């Protein structure tokens, strides 16, 4: 991963405001982030989620997601109440939310909800980008910060459903 782009496998999830339940959709996908070429001096980033396969059945209406991320106005928040996988929410200052589940398989020695080394690296880079901090392009794994902040938006209110 270079400091001007990030790519990782992630699926999307639907969030039901009424039941406060988040349901992962059974579609393989990828998140792609790169510096916005038109607003590079402002630190804006292009964020795209794309399905890696053609959605079928109940998921046939799934379409790609394209957003512009503004550092300081967007957060990448772990959903700690999810115990069946690694779920994150992309939250905008307008309170608009998107939910994603990481699809890279965890090693057998980690539980489903624990971040593996690559997940922790992604989380750290996303957090630094969105907090307007310089992202170092380091391949030295010892430099990877794996601390997850205690703050997670609406975490206690999100329930996880079965993958559809």
Protein backbone atom coordinates (compact mmCIF):
# COMPACT_ATOMS: atom_id res chain seq x y z
CA UNK A 1 0.00 0.00 0.00
CA UNK A 2 1.42 3.33 -0.94
CA UNK A 3 0.60 6.46 1.00
CA UNK A 4 -1.49 7.85 -1.88
CA UNK A 5 -3.75 4.83 -2.31
CA UNK A 6 -5.32 2.07 -0.24
CA UNK A 7 -7.06 -1.11 -1.44
CA UNK A 8 -8.55 -3.89 0.63
CA UNK A 9 -11.28 -6.50 0.46
CA UNK A 10 -14.50 -5.55 2.18
CA UNK A 11 -18.19 -6.25 1.82
CA UNK A 12 -21.04 -3.89 2.56
CA UNK A 13 -23.77 -4.18 5.14
CA UNK A 14 -27.27 -2.81 5.42
CA UNK A 15 -28.22 -0.90 8.54
CA UNK A 16 -31.83 -0.84 9.73
CA UNK A 17 -32.44 2.37 11.72
CA UNK A 18 -35.60 0.94 13.29
CA UNK A 19 -34.11 -2.29 14.65
CA UNK A 20 -30.56 -0.87 14.86
CA UNK A 21 -29.36 -4.08 13.21
CA UNK A 22 -26.52 -4.27 10.73
CA UNK A 23 -26.69 -7.14 8.22
CA UNK A 24 -23.65 -8.02 6.06
CA UNK A 25 -24.51 -8.72 2.41
CA UNK A 26 -22.98 -11.81 0.82
CA UNK A 27 -21.08 -10.02 -1.95
CA UNK A 28 -17.32 -9.99 -2.36
CA UNK A 29 -16.09 -6.41 -2.69
CA UNK A 30 -13.14 -4.10 -2.51
CA UNK A 31 -12.56 -0.64 -1.06
CA UNK A 32 -10.31 1.60 -3.13
CA UNK A 33 -9.11 4.94 -1.82
CA UNK A 34 -6.84 7.42 -3.56
CA UNK A 35 -5.98 11.07 -3.27
CA UNK A 36 -8.57 13.20 -5.08
CA UNK A 37 -6.62 14.71 -7.98
CA UNK A 38 -8.85 17.80 -8.23
CA UNK A 39 -8.71 18.67 -4.51
CA UNK A 40 -5.32 17.22 -3.59
CA UNK A 41 -4.15 20.42 -1.88
CA UNK A 42 -7.18 20.23 0.45
CA UNK A 43 -6.42 16.62 1.38
CA UNK A 44 -9.63 15.15 -0.08
CA UNK A 45 -9.73 11.43 -0.90
CA UNK A 46 -11.81 9.45 -3.40
CA UNK A 47 -13.45 6.43 -1.75
CA UNK A 48 -14.94 3.66 -3.89
CA UNK A 49 -16.49 0.37 -2.91
CA UNK A 50 -16.95 -1.97 -5.85
CA UNK A 51 -18.41 -5.48 -5.99
CA UNK A 52 -15.89 -8.03 -7.27
CA UNK A 53 -18.64 -10.29 -8.54
CA UNK A 54 -22.03 -9.72 -10.13
CA UNK A 55 -24.60 -9.54 -7.33
CA UNK A 56 -27.46 -12.03 -7.71
CA UNK A 57 -30.76 -12.82 -5.99
CA UNK A 58 -31.69 -10.46 -3.15
CA UNK A 59 -28.38 -8.64 -3.66
CA UNK A 60 -28.92 -8.00 -7.41
CA UNK A 61 -29.62 -4.29 -6.81
CA UNK A 62 -26.26 -3.65 -5.14
CA UNK A 63 -24.28 -1.00 -6.93
CA UNK A 64 -20.84 0.55 -6.42
CA UNK A 65 -20.41 3.32 -3.85
CA UNK A 66 -18.38 6.44 -4.72
CA UNK A 67 -17.71 9.11 -2.09
CA UNK A 68 -15.32 11.96 -1.42
CA UNK A 69 -13.76 11.87 2.04
CA UNK A 70 -12.80 15.10 3.73
CA UNK A 71 -10.27 14.71 6.55
CA UNK A 72 -11.67 15.93 9.84
CA UNK A 73 -15.25 15.43 8.57
CA UNK A 74 -15.23 11.63 8.28
CA UNK A 75 -14.41 8.79 10.71
CA UNK A 76 -13.54 5.10 10.16
CA UNK A 77 -14.96 3.47 13.29
CA UNK A 78 -14.72 -0.17 14.43
CA UNK A 79 -18.04 -1.71 15.47
CA UNK A 80 -16.93 -3.49 18.64
CA UNK A 81 -20.33 -5.06 19.30
CA UNK A 82 -19.84 -7.28 16.23
CA UNK A 83 -18.46 -10.62 17.44
CA UNK A 84 -18.94 -12.55 14.18
CA UNK A 85 -16.48 -10.57 12.05
CA UNK A 86 -14.62 -7.30 11.66
CA UNK A 87 -17.13 -4.54 10.95
CA UNK A 88 -16.39 -0.85 10.43
CA UNK A 89 -18.55 2.19 9.82
CA UNK A 90 -17.61 5.14 7.67
CA UNK A 91 -19.33 8.06 9.41
CA UNK A 92 -19.62 11.57 8.01
CA UNK A 93 -20.09 14.73 10.08
CA UNK A 94 -23.63 14.87 8.60
CA UNK A 95 -24.23 11.54 10.46
CA UNK A 96 -24.48 9.66 7.15
CA UNK A 97 -23.14 6.12 7.73
CA UNK A 98 -21.90 3.27 5.58
CA UNK A 99 -21.08 -0.16 7.02
CA UNK A 100 -18.36 -2.49 5.74
CA UNK A 101 -17.14 -5.91 6.83
CA UNK A 102 -13.55 -6.94 6.23
CA UNK A 103 -13.34 -10.07 4.08
CA UNK A 104 -9.71 -11.13 4.47
CA UNK A 105 -9.74 -14.41 6.42
CA UNK A 106 -8.30 -14.27 9.90
CA UNK A 107 -5.56 -16.69 10.98
CA UNK A 108 -6.87 -19.58 13.07
CA UNK A 109 -5.26 -18.20 16.23
CA UNK A 110 -7.47 -15.06 16.09
CA UNK A 111 -11.17 -14.87 16.84
CA UNK A 112 -13.53 -13.67 14.11
CA UNK A 113 -13.76 -10.17 15.60
CA UNK A 114 -10.03 -9.59 16.22
CA UNK A 115 -8.09 -7.41 13.81
CA UNK A 116 -5.22 -9.21 12.12
CA UNK A 117 -1.98 -7.42 11.25
CA UNK A 118 -3.20 -6.23 7.84
CA UNK A 119 -6.54 -5.04 9.30
CA UNK A 120 -4.68 -3.06 11.96
CA UNK A 121 -2.49 -1.46 9.28
CA UNK A 122 -5.57 -0.49 7.26
CA UNK A 123 -7.27 0.93 10.35
CA UNK A 124 -4.19 2.95 11.27
CA UNK A 125 -3.79 4.39 7.75
CA UNK A 126 -7.49 5.22 7.45
CA UNK A 127 -7.47 6.93 10.85
CA UNK A 128 -4.36 8.96 10.02
CA UNK A 129 -5.77 10.03 6.65
CA UNK A 130 -9.13 11.05 8.11
CA UNK A 131 -7.48 12.88 11.00
CA UNK A 132 -5.33 14.90 8.57
CA UNK A 133 -2.11 13.27 9.78
CA UNK A 134 0.75 12.33 7.49
CA UNK A 135 0.67 8.67 6.46
CA UNK A 136 4.08 7.08 6.31
CA UNK A 137 4.62 4.53 3.57
CA UNK A 138 6.38 2.00 5.74
CA UNK A 139 6.64 -1.69 5.04
CA UNK A 140 8.20 -2.26 8.47
CA UNK A 141 5.53 -4.18 10.40
CA UNK A 142 7.01 -3.06 13.74
CA UNK A 143 5.79 0.48 13.01
CA UNK A 144 2.15 -0.58 12.69
CA UNK A 145 0.05 0.92 15.45
CA UNK A 146 -2.71 -1.46 16.50
CA UNK A 147 -4.40 0.65 19.17
CA UNK A 148 -8.11 1.07 18.55
CA UNK A 149 -9.68 4.07 20.25
CA UNK A 150 -12.36 3.47 22.83
CA UNK A 151 -14.69 5.86 21.04
CA UNK A 152 -16.94 4.16 18.55
CA UNK A 153 -20.02 5.95 17.29
CA UNK A 154 -23.30 4.30 18.28
CA UNK A 155 -21.43 1.03 18.85
CA UNK A 156 -23.60 -0.12 21.75
CA UNK A 157 -26.73 0.37 19.62
CA UNK A 158 -25.70 -1.76 16.62
CA UNK A 159 -26.78 -5.39 16.53
CA UNK A 160 -25.38 -7.82 13.97
CA UNK A 161 -27.56 -9.96 11.75
CA UNK A 162 -26.69 -13.05 9.74
CA UNK A 163 -24.96 -12.60 6.38
CA UNK A 164 -27.56 -12.43 3.60
